[in-house]
Amino acid sequence: GLATAFYLKRALPAADLVVFEAEQRAGGKLQTVEI
């Protein structure tokens, strides 16, 4: 989703992008947790 949004905005600067994500953060399973 992140890569699609980035490349879409680059290819279609005038497009209005709306990104929905169920979690409170982006990344899906790509998540770094610091403890």
PDB file of all heavy atoms in Angstrom:
ATOM      1  N   GLY A   1       0.809  -1.206   0.000  1.00  0.00           N
ATOM      2  CA  GLY A   1       0.000   0.000   0.000  1.00  0.00           C
ATOM      3  C   GLY A   1       0.847   1.263   0.000  1.00  0.00           C
ATOM      4  O   GLY A   1       0.558   2.234  -0.714  1.00  0.00           O
ATOM      5  N   LEU A   2       1.902   1.270   0.796  1.00  0.00           N
ATOM      6  CA  LEU A   2       2.785   2.437   0.868  1.00  0.00           C
ATOM      7  C   LEU A   2       3.469   2.687  -0.473  1.00  0.00           C
ATOM      8  O   LEU A   2       3.526   3.829  -0.952  1.00  0.00           O
ATOM      9  CB  LEU A   2       3.838   2.228   1.950  1.00  0.00           C
ATOM     10  CG  LEU A   2       3.351   2.304   3.398  1.00  0.00           C
ATOM     11  CD1 LEU A   2       4.413   1.738   4.342  1.00  0.00           C
ATOM     12  CD2 LEU A   2       3.019   3.741   3.790  1.00  0.00           C
ATOM     13  N   ALA A   3       4.008   1.629  -1.080  1.00  0.00           N
ATOM     14  CA  ALA A   3       4.701   1.790  -2.357  1.00  0.00           C
ATOM     15  C   ALA A   3       3.735   2.178  -3.469  1.00  0.00           C
ATOM     16  O   ALA A   3       4.055   3.010  -4.326  1.00  0.00           O
ATOM     17  CB  ALA A   3       5.435   0.502  -2.718  1.00  0.00           C
ATOM     18  N   THR A   4       2.536   1.599  -3.463  1.00  0.00           N
ATOM     19  CA  THR A   4       1.538   1.962  -4.466  1.00  0.00           C
ATOM     20  C   THR A   4       1.157   3.426  -4.332  1.00  0.00           C
ATOM     21  O   THR A   4       1.075   4.158  -5.330  1.00  0.00           O
ATOM     22  CB  THR A   4       0.288   1.079  -4.330  1.00  0.00           C
ATOM     23  OG1 THR A   4       0.653  -0.296  -4.490  1.00  0.00           O
ATOM     24  CG2 THR A   4      -0.749   1.448  -5.382  1.00  0.00           C
ATOM     25  N   ALA A   5       0.932   3.872  -3.108  1.00  0.00           N
ATOM     26  CA  ALA A   5       0.571   5.277  -2.876  1.00  0.00           C
ATOM     27  C   ALA A   5       1.697   6.201  -3.325  1.00  0.00           C
ATOM     28  O   ALA A   5       1.461   7.221  -3.991  1.00  0.00           O
ATOM     29  CB  ALA A   5       0.250   5.497  -1.406  1.00  0.00           C
ATOM     30  N   PHE A   6       2.936   5.850  -2.987  1.00  0.00           N
ATOM     31  CA  PHE A   6       4.065   6.700  -3.363  1.00  0.00           C
ATOM     32  C   PHE A   6       4.179   6.825  -4.880  1.00  0.00           C
ATOM     33  O   PHE A   6       4.288   7.937  -5.423  1.00  0.00           O
ATOM     34  CB  PHE A   6       5.363   6.138  -2.782  1.00  0.00           C
ATOM     35  CG  PHE A   6       6.581   6.809  -3.331  1.00  0.00           C
ATOM     36  CD1 PHE A   6       6.954   8.075  -2.882  1.00  0.00           C
ATOM     37  CD2 PHE A   6       7.340   6.197  -4.326  1.00  0.00           C
ATOM     38  CE1 PHE A   6       8.072   8.715  -3.415  1.00  0.00           C
ATOM     39  CE2 PHE A   6       8.455   6.834  -4.856  1.00  0.00           C
ATOM     40  CZ  PHE A   6       8.818   8.093  -4.405  1.00  0.00           C
ATOM     41  N   TYR A   7       4.144   5.691  -5.577  1.00  0.00           N
ATOM     42  CA  TYR A   7       4.320   5.735  -7.026  1.00  0.00           C
ATOM     43  C   TYR A   7       3.105   6.329  -7.737  1.00  0.00           C
ATOM     44  O   TYR A   7       3.246   6.972  -8.793  1.00  0.00           O
ATOM     45  CB  TYR A   7       4.635   4.341  -7.562  1.00  0.00           C
ATOM     46  CG  TYR A   7       6.081   3.939  -7.350  1.00  0.00           C
ATOM     47  CD1 TYR A   7       6.424   2.864  -6.533  1.00  0.00           C
ATOM     48  CD2 TYR A   7       7.109   4.650  -7.975  1.00  0.00           C
ATOM     49  CE1 TYR A   7       7.751   2.505  -6.350  1.00  0.00           C
ATOM     50  CE2 TYR A   7       8.440   4.296  -7.777  1.00  0.00           C
ATOM     51  CZ  TYR A   7       8.754   3.228  -6.972  1.00  0.00           C
ATOM     52  OH  TYR A   7      10.080   2.877  -6.788  1.00  0.00           O
ATOM     53  N   LEU A   8       1.918   6.123  -7.192  1.00  0.00           N
ATOM     54  CA  LEU A   8       0.732   6.743  -7.792  1.00  0.00           C
ATOM     55  C   LEU A   8       0.814   8.264  -7.697  1.00  0.00           C
ATOM     56  O   LEU A   8       0.509   8.974  -8.669  1.00  0.00           O
ATOM     57  CB  LEU A   8      -0.533   6.242  -7.091  1.00  0.00           C
ATOM     58  CG  LEU A   8      -1.263   5.065  -7.722  1.00  0.00           C
ATOM     59  CD1 LEU A   8      -2.456   4.658  -6.861  1.00  0.00           C
ATOM     60  CD2 LEU A   8      -1.721   5.401  -9.138  1.00  0.00           C
ATOM     61  N   LYS A   9       1.208   8.760  -6.546  1.00  0.00           N
ATOM     62  CA  LYS A   9       1.295  10.215  -6.369  1.00  0.00           C
ATOM     63  C   LYS A   9       2.369  10.791  -7.272  1.00  0.00           C
ATOM     64  O   LYS A   9       2.230  11.905  -7.780  1.00  0.00           O
ATOM     65  CB  LYS A   9       1.586  10.543  -4.904  1.00  0.00           C
ATOM     66  CG  LYS A   9       1.324  11.997  -4.559  1.00  0.00           C
ATOM     67  CD  LYS A   9      -0.144  12.373  -4.754  1.00  0.00           C
ATOM     68  CE  LYS A   9      -0.418  13.816  -4.422  1.00  0.00           C
ATOM     69  NZ  LYS A   9      -1.835  14.188  -4.628  1.00  0.00           N
ATOM     70  N   ARG A  10       3.428  10.039  -7.483  1.00  0.00           N
ATOM     71  CA  ARG A  10       4.487  10.530  -8.357  1.00  0.00           C
ATOM     72  C   ARG A  10       4.023  10.543  -9.810  1.00  0.00           C
ATOM     73  O   ARG A  10       4.342  11.469 -10.568  1.00  0.00           O
ATOM     74  CB  ARG A  10       5.736   9.661  -8.218  1.00  0.00           C
ATOM     75  CG  ARG A  10       6.967  10.282  -8.867  1.00  0.00           C
ATOM     76  CD  ARG A  10       8.229   9.516  -8.574  1.00  0.00           C
ATOM     77  NE  ARG A  10       8.337   8.299  -9.383  1.00  0.00           N
ATOM     78  CZ  ARG A  10       9.499   7.711  -9.671  1.00  0.00           C
ATOM     79  NH1 ARG A  10      10.627   8.210  -9.190  1.00  0.00           N
ATOM     80  NH2 ARG A  10       9.541   6.624 -10.395  1.00  0.00           N
ATOM     81  N   ALA A  11       3.258   9.516 -10.210  1.00  0.00           N
ATOM     82  CA  ALA A  11       2.796   9.433 -11.599  1.00  0.00           C
ATOM     83  C   ALA A  11       1.589  10.320 -11.866  1.00  0.00           C
ATOM     84  O   ALA A  11       1.407  10.812 -12.993  1.00  0.00           O
ATOM     85  CB  ALA A  11       2.454   7.978 -11.929  1.00  0.00           C
ATOM     86  N   LEU A  12       0.742  10.513 -10.825  1.00  0.00           N
ATOM     87  CA  LEU A  12      -0.480  11.328 -10.963  1.00  0.00           C
ATOM     88  C   LEU A  12      -0.502  12.367  -9.847  1.00  0.00           C
ATOM     89  O   LEU A  12      -1.233  12.228  -8.862  1.00  0.00           O
ATOM     90  CB  LEU A  12      -1.725  10.435 -10.884  1.00  0.00           C
ATOM     91  CG  LEU A  12      -1.932   9.400 -11.988  1.00  0.00           C
ATOM     92  CD1 LEU A  12      -3.078   8.467 -11.631  1.00  0.00           C
ATOM     93  CD2 LEU A  12      -2.217  10.099 -13.318  1.00  0.00           C
ATOM     94  N   PRO A  13       0.298  13.430  -9.969  1.00  0.00           N
ATOM     95  CA  PRO A  13       0.388  14.417  -8.881  1.00  0.00           C
ATOM     96  C   PRO A  13      -0.939  15.046  -8.513  1.00  0.00           C
ATOM     97  O   PRO A  13      -1.144  15.420  -7.354  1.00  0.00           O
ATOM     98  CB  PRO A  13       1.366  15.466  -9.447  1.00  0.00           C
ATOM     99  CG  PRO A  13       2.129  14.753 -10.512  1.00  0.00           C
ATOM    100  CD  PRO A  13       1.190  13.759 -11.098  1.00  0.00           C
ATOM    101  N   ALA A  14      -1.844  15.151  -9.486  1.00  0.00           N
ATOM    102  CA  ALA A  14      -3.132  15.797  -9.215  1.00  0.00           C
ATOM    103  C   ALA A  14      -4.149  14.856  -8.584  1.00  0.00           C
ATOM    104  O   ALA A  14      -5.235  15.293  -8.169  1.00  0.00           O
ATOM    105  CB  ALA A  14      -3.696  16.384 -10.512  1.00  0.00           C
ATOM    106  N   ALA A  15      -3.832  13.577  -8.517  1.00  0.00           N
ATOM    107  CA  ALA A  15      -4.786  12.609  -7.963  1.00  0.00           C
ATOM    108  C   ALA A  15      -4.986  12.853  -6.469  1.00  0.00           C
ATOM    109  O   ALA A  15      -4.062  13.228  -5.745  1.00  0.00           O
ATOM    110  CB  ALA A  15      -4.302  11.191  -8.205  1.00  0.00           C
ATOM    111  N   ASP A  16      -6.198  12.621  -6.020  1.00  0.00           N
ATOM    112  CA  ASP A  16      -6.551  12.737  -4.601  1.00  0.00           C
ATOM    113  C   ASP A  16      -6.502  11.327  -4.009  1.00  0.00           C
ATOM    114  O   ASP A  16      -7.383  10.509  -4.274  1.00  0.00           O
ATOM    115  CB  ASP A  16      -7.945  13.347  -4.480  1.00  0.00           C
ATOM    116  CG  ASP A  16      -8.393  13.503  -3.037  1.00  0.00           C
ATOM    117  OD1 ASP A  16      -7.535  13.394  -2.133  1.00  0.00           O
ATOM    118  OD2 ASP A  16      -9.599  13.729  -2.815  1.00  0.00           O
ATOM    119  N   LEU A  17      -5.456  11.037  -3.237  1.00  0.00           N
ATOM    120  CA  LEU A  17      -5.284   9.705  -2.665  1.00  0.00           C
ATOM    121  C   LEU A  17      -5.850   9.645  -1.255  1.00  0.00           C
ATOM    122  O   LEU A  17      -5.601  10.536  -0.437  1.00  0.00           O
ATOM    123  CB  LEU A  17      -3.806   9.317  -2.614  1.00  0.00           C
ATOM    124  CG  LEU A  17      -3.029   9.249  -3.931  1.00  0.00           C
ATOM    125  CD1 LEU A  17      -1.630   8.706  -3.666  1.00  0.00           C
ATOM    126  CD2 LEU A  17      -3.753   8.389  -4.954  1.00  0.00           C
ATOM    127  N   VAL A  18      -6.587   8.586  -0.966  1.00  0.00           N
ATOM    128  CA  VAL A  18      -7.092   8.321   0.375  1.00  0.00           C
ATOM    129  C   VAL A  18      -6.603   6.931   0.774  1.00  0.00           C
ATOM    130  O   VAL A  18      -6.922   5.945   0.112  1.00  0.00           O
ATOM    131  CB  VAL A  18      -8.628   8.355   0.434  1.00  0.00           C
ATOM    132  CG1 VAL A  18      -9.101   8.259   1.884  1.00  0.00           C
ATOM    133  CG2 VAL A  18      -9.178   9.595  -0.237  1.00  0.00           C
ATOM    134  N   VAL A  19      -5.804   6.858   1.838  1.00  0.00           N
ATOM    135  CA  VAL A  19      -5.226   5.585   2.269  1.00  0.00           C
ATOM    136  C   VAL A  19      -5.902   5.137   3.563  1.00  0.00           C
ATOM    137  O   VAL A  19      -5.843   5.831   4.578  1.00  0.00           O
ATOM    138  CB  VAL A  19      -3.700   5.704   2.487  1.00  0.00           C
ATOM    139  CG1 VAL A  19      -3.120   4.344   2.866  1.00  0.00           C
ATOM    140  CG2 VAL A  19      -3.018   6.248   1.235  1.00  0.00           C
ATOM    141  N   PHE A  20      -6.538   3.985   3.513  1.00  0.00           N
ATOM    142  CA  PHE A  20      -7.215   3.410   4.675  1.00  0.00           C
ATOM    143  C   PHE A  20      -6.336   2.311   5.277  1.00  0.00           C
ATOM    144  O   PHE A  20      -5.790   1.475   4.554  1.00  0.00           O
ATOM    145  CB  PHE A  20      -8.562   2.795   4.281  1.00  0.00           C
ATOM    146  CG  PHE A  20      -9.567   3.780   3.748  1.00  0.00           C
ATOM    147  CD1 PHE A  20      -9.627   4.070   2.390  1.00  0.00           C
ATOM    148  CD2 PHE A  20     -10.451   4.420   4.606  1.00  0.00           C
ATOM    149  CE1 PHE A  20     -10.555   4.965   1.887  1.00  0.00           C
ATOM    150  CE2 PHE A  20     -11.383   5.319   4.119  1.00  0.00           C
ATOM    151  CZ  PHE A  20     -11.437   5.598   2.757  1.00  0.00           C
ATOM    152  N   GLU A  21      -6.229   2.306   6.586  1.00  0.00           N
ATOM    153  CA  GLU A  21      -5.451   1.280   7.279  1.00  0.00           C
ATOM    154  C   GLU A  21      -6.146   0.936   8.590  1.00  0.00           C
ATOM    155  O   GLU A  21      -6.483   1.823   9.377  1.00  0.00           O
ATOM    156  CB  GLU A  21      -4.034   1.765   7.543  1.00  0.00           C
ATOM    157  CG  GLU A  21      -3.211   0.918   8.501  1.00  0.00           C
ATOM    158  CD  GLU A  21      -3.127  -0.546   8.106  1.00  0.00           C
ATOM    159  OE1 GLU A  21      -2.835  -0.824   6.927  1.00  0.00           O
ATOM    160  OE2 GLU A  21      -3.373  -1.416   8.975  1.00  0.00           O
ATOM    161  N   ALA A  22      -6.379  -0.361   8.798  1.00  0.00           N
ATOM    162  CA  ALA A  22      -7.100  -0.796   9.997  1.00  0.00           C
ATOM    163  C   ALA A  22      -6.333  -0.484  11.273  1.00  0.00           C
ATOM    164  O   ALA A  22      -6.928  -0.152  12.306  1.00  0.00           O
ATOM    165  CB  ALA A  22      -7.408  -2.286   9.910  1.00  0.00           C
ATOM    166  N   GLU A  23      -5.005  -0.596  11.218  1.00  0.00           N
ATOM    167  CA  GLU A  23      -4.198  -0.324  12.409  1.00  0.00           C
ATOM    168  C   GLU A  23      -3.964   1.175  12.575  1.00  0.00           C
ATOM    169  O   GLU A  23      -4.170   1.959  11.650  1.00  0.00           O
ATOM    170  CB  GLU A  23      -2.856  -1.053  12.313  1.00  0.00           C
ATOM    171  CG  GLU A  23      -2.976  -2.560  12.172  1.00  0.00           C
ATOM    172  CD  GLU A  23      -3.634  -3.213  13.375  1.00  0.00           C
ATOM    173  OE1 GLU A  23      -3.421  -2.712  14.508  1.00  0.00           O
ATOM    174  OE2 GLU A  23      -4.359  -4.203  13.200  1.00  0.00           O
ATOM    175  N   GLN A  24      -3.487   1.554  13.762  1.00  0.00           N
ATOM    176  CA  GLN A  24      -3.236   2.963  14.046  1.00  0.00           C
ATOM    177  C   GLN A  24      -1.925   3.455  13.426  1.00  0.00           C
ATOM    178  O   GLN A  24      -1.608   4.641  13.532  1.00  0.00           O
ATOM    179  CB  GLN A  24      -3.199   3.192  15.563  1.00  0.00           C
ATOM    180  CG  GLN A  24      -4.531   2.959  16.266  1.00  0.00           C
ATOM    181  CD  GLN A  24      -5.563   4.030  15.908  1.00  0.00           C
ATOM    182  OE1 GLN A  24      -5.234   5.104  15.436  1.00  0.00           O
ATOM    183  NE2 GLN A  24      -6.831   3.714  16.151  1.00  0.00           N
ATOM    184  N   ARG A  25      -1.194   2.569  12.796  1.00  0.00           N
ATOM    185  CA  ARG A  25       0.081   2.922  12.184  1.00  0.00           C
ATOM    186  C   ARG A  25       0.172   2.271  10.815  1.00  0.00           C
ATOM    187  O   ARG A  25      -0.506   1.281  10.532  1.00  0.00           O
ATOM    188  CB  ARG A  25       1.245   2.430  13.053  1.00  0.00           C
ATOM    189  CG  ARG A  25       1.114   0.965  13.365  1.00  0.00           C
ATOM    190  CD  ARG A  25       2.369   0.296  13.826  1.00  0.00           C
ATOM    191  NE  ARG A  25       2.114  -1.147  13.967  1.00  0.00           N
ATOM    192  CZ  ARG A  25       2.128  -2.008  12.975  1.00  0.00           C
ATOM    193  NH1 ARG A  25       2.367  -1.584  11.748  1.00  0.00           N
ATOM    194  NH2 ARG A  25       1.894  -3.288  13.181  1.00  0.00           N
ATOM    195  N   ALA A  26       1.010   2.851   9.969  1.00  0.00           N
ATOM    196  CA  ALA A  26       1.279   2.241   8.673  1.00  0.00           C
ATOM    197  C   ALA A  26       2.337   1.151   8.832  1.00  0.00           C
ATOM    198  O   ALA A  26       3.014   1.054   9.853  1.00  0.00           O
ATOM    199  CB  ALA A  26       1.756   3.303   7.691  1.00  0.00           C
ATOM    200  N   GLY A  27       2.468   0.322   7.803  1.00  0.00           N
ATOM    201  CA  GLY A  27       3.536  -0.674   7.796  1.00  0.00           C
ATOM    202  C   GLY A  27       3.083  -2.117   7.760  1.00  0.00           C
ATOM    203  O   GLY A  27       3.861  -2.985   7.381  1.00  0.00           O
ATOM    204  N   GLY A  28       1.858  -2.408   8.200  1.00  0.00           N
ATOM    205  CA  GLY A  28       1.434  -3.803   8.234  1.00  0.00           C
ATOM    206  C   GLY A  28       2.335  -4.611   9.153  1.00  0.00           C
ATOM    207  O   GLY A  28       2.571  -4.234  10.302  1.00  0.00           O
ATOM    208  N   LYS A  29       2.881  -5.702   8.615  1.00  0.00           N
ATOM    209  CA  LYS A  29       3.774  -6.550   9.414  1.00  0.00           C
ATOM    210  C   LYS A  29       5.191  -6.003   9.468  1.00  0.00           C
ATOM    211  O   LYS A  29       6.033  -6.535  10.197  1.00  0.00           O
ATOM    212  CB  LYS A  29       3.765  -7.978   8.874  1.00  0.00           C
ATOM    213  CG  LYS A  29       2.422  -8.678   9.053  1.00  0.00           C
ATOM    214  CD  LYS A  29       2.452 -10.090   8.543  1.00  0.00           C
ATOM    215  CE  LYS A  29       1.120 -10.791   8.784  1.00  0.00           C
ATOM    216  NZ  LYS A  29       0.032 -10.203   7.960  1.00  0.00           N
ATOM    217  N   LEU A  30       5.477  -4.963   8.675  1.00  0.00           N
ATOM    218  CA  LEU A  30       6.783  -4.302   8.769  1.00  0.00           C
ATOM    219  C   LEU A  30       6.715  -3.307   9.923  1.00  0.00           C
ATOM    220  O   LEU A  30       6.184  -2.213   9.794  1.00  0.00           O
ATOM    221  CB  LEU A  30       7.129  -3.578   7.465  1.00  0.00           C
ATOM    222  CG  LEU A  30       7.419  -4.442   6.245  1.00  0.00           C
ATOM    223  CD1 LEU A  30       7.860  -3.573   5.080  1.00  0.00           C
ATOM    224  CD2 LEU A  30       8.463  -5.506   6.542  1.00  0.00           C
ATOM    225  N   GLN A  31       7.233  -3.712  11.047  1.00  0.00           N
ATOM    226  CA  GLN A  31       7.137  -2.905  12.261  1.00  0.00           C
ATOM    227  C   GLN A  31       8.386  -3.143  13.113  1.00  0.00           C
ATOM    228  O   GLN A  31       8.747  -4.285  13.396  1.00  0.00           O
ATOM    229  CB  GLN A  31       5.884  -3.300  13.056  1.00  0.00           C
ATOM    230  CG  GLN A  31       5.729  -2.565  14.369  1.00  0.00           C
ATOM    231  CD  GLN A  31       4.578  -3.108  15.193  1.00  0.00           C
ATOM    232  OE1 GLN A  31       3.927  -4.065  14.806  1.00  0.00           O
ATOM    233  NE2 GLN A  31       4.327  -2.506  16.330  1.00  0.00           N
ATOM    234  N   THR A  32       9.039  -2.073  13.488  1.00  0.00           N
ATOM    235  CA  THR A  32      10.187  -2.152  14.389  1.00  0.00           C
ATOM    236  C   THR A  32       9.769  -1.664  15.763  1.00  0.00           C
ATOM    237  O   THR A  32       9.264  -0.544  15.899  1.00  0.00           O
ATOM    238  CB  THR A  32      11.364  -1.304  13.872  1.00  0.00           C
ATOM    239  OG1 THR A  32      11.670  -1.681  12.530  1.00  0.00           O
ATOM    240  CG2 THR A  32      12.595  -1.504  14.748  1.00  0.00           C
ATOM    241  N   VAL A  33       9.962  -2.499  16.765  1.00  0.00           N
ATOM    242  CA  VAL A  33       9.571  -2.163  18.138  1.00  0.00           C
ATOM    243  C   VAL A  33      10.836  -1.997  18.968  1.00  0.00           C
ATOM    244  O   VAL A  33      11.687  -2.901  19.005  1.00  0.00           O
ATOM    245  CB  VAL A  33       8.669  -3.258  18.743  1.00  0.00           C
ATOM    246  CG1 VAL A  33       8.318  -2.912  20.191  1.00  0.00           C
ATOM    247  CG2 VAL A  33       7.409  -3.422  17.908  1.00  0.00           C
ATOM    248  N   GLU A  34      10.967  -0.860  19.643  1.00  0.00           N
ATOM    249  CA  GLU A  34      12.148  -0.607  20.474  1.00  0.00           C
ATOM    250  C   GLU A  34      11.798  -0.795  21.947  1.00  0.00           C
ATOM    251  O   GLU A  34      10.822  -0.222  22.446  1.00  0.00           O
ATOM    252  CB  GLU A  34      12.691   0.802  20.236  1.00  0.00           C
ATOM    253  CG  GLU A  34      13.991   1.068  20.980  1.00  0.00           C
ATOM    254  CD  GLU A  34      14.737   2.287  20.469  1.00  0.00           C
ATOM    255  OE1 GLU A  34      14.475   2.715  19.322  1.00  0.00           O
ATOM    256  OE2 GLU A  34      15.596   2.799  21.212  1.00  0.00           O
ATOM    257  N   ILE A  35      12.594  -1.613  22.634  1.00  0.00           N
ATOM    258  CA  ILE A  35      12.406  -1.883  24.060  1.00  0.00           C
ATOM    259  C   ILE A  35      13.752  -1.738  24.757  1.00  0.00           C
ATOM    260  O   ILE A  35      14.679  -2.520  24.502  1.00  0.00           O
ATOM    261  CB  ILE A  35      11.847  -3.309  24.301  1.00  0.00           C
ATOM    262  CG1 ILE A  35      10.560  -3.547  23.504  1.00  0.00           C
ATOM    263  CG2 ILE A  35      11.592  -3.529  25.787  1.00  0.00           C
ATOM    264  CD1 ILE A  35      10.055  -4.977  23.577  1.00  0.00           C
TER     265      ILE A  35
END
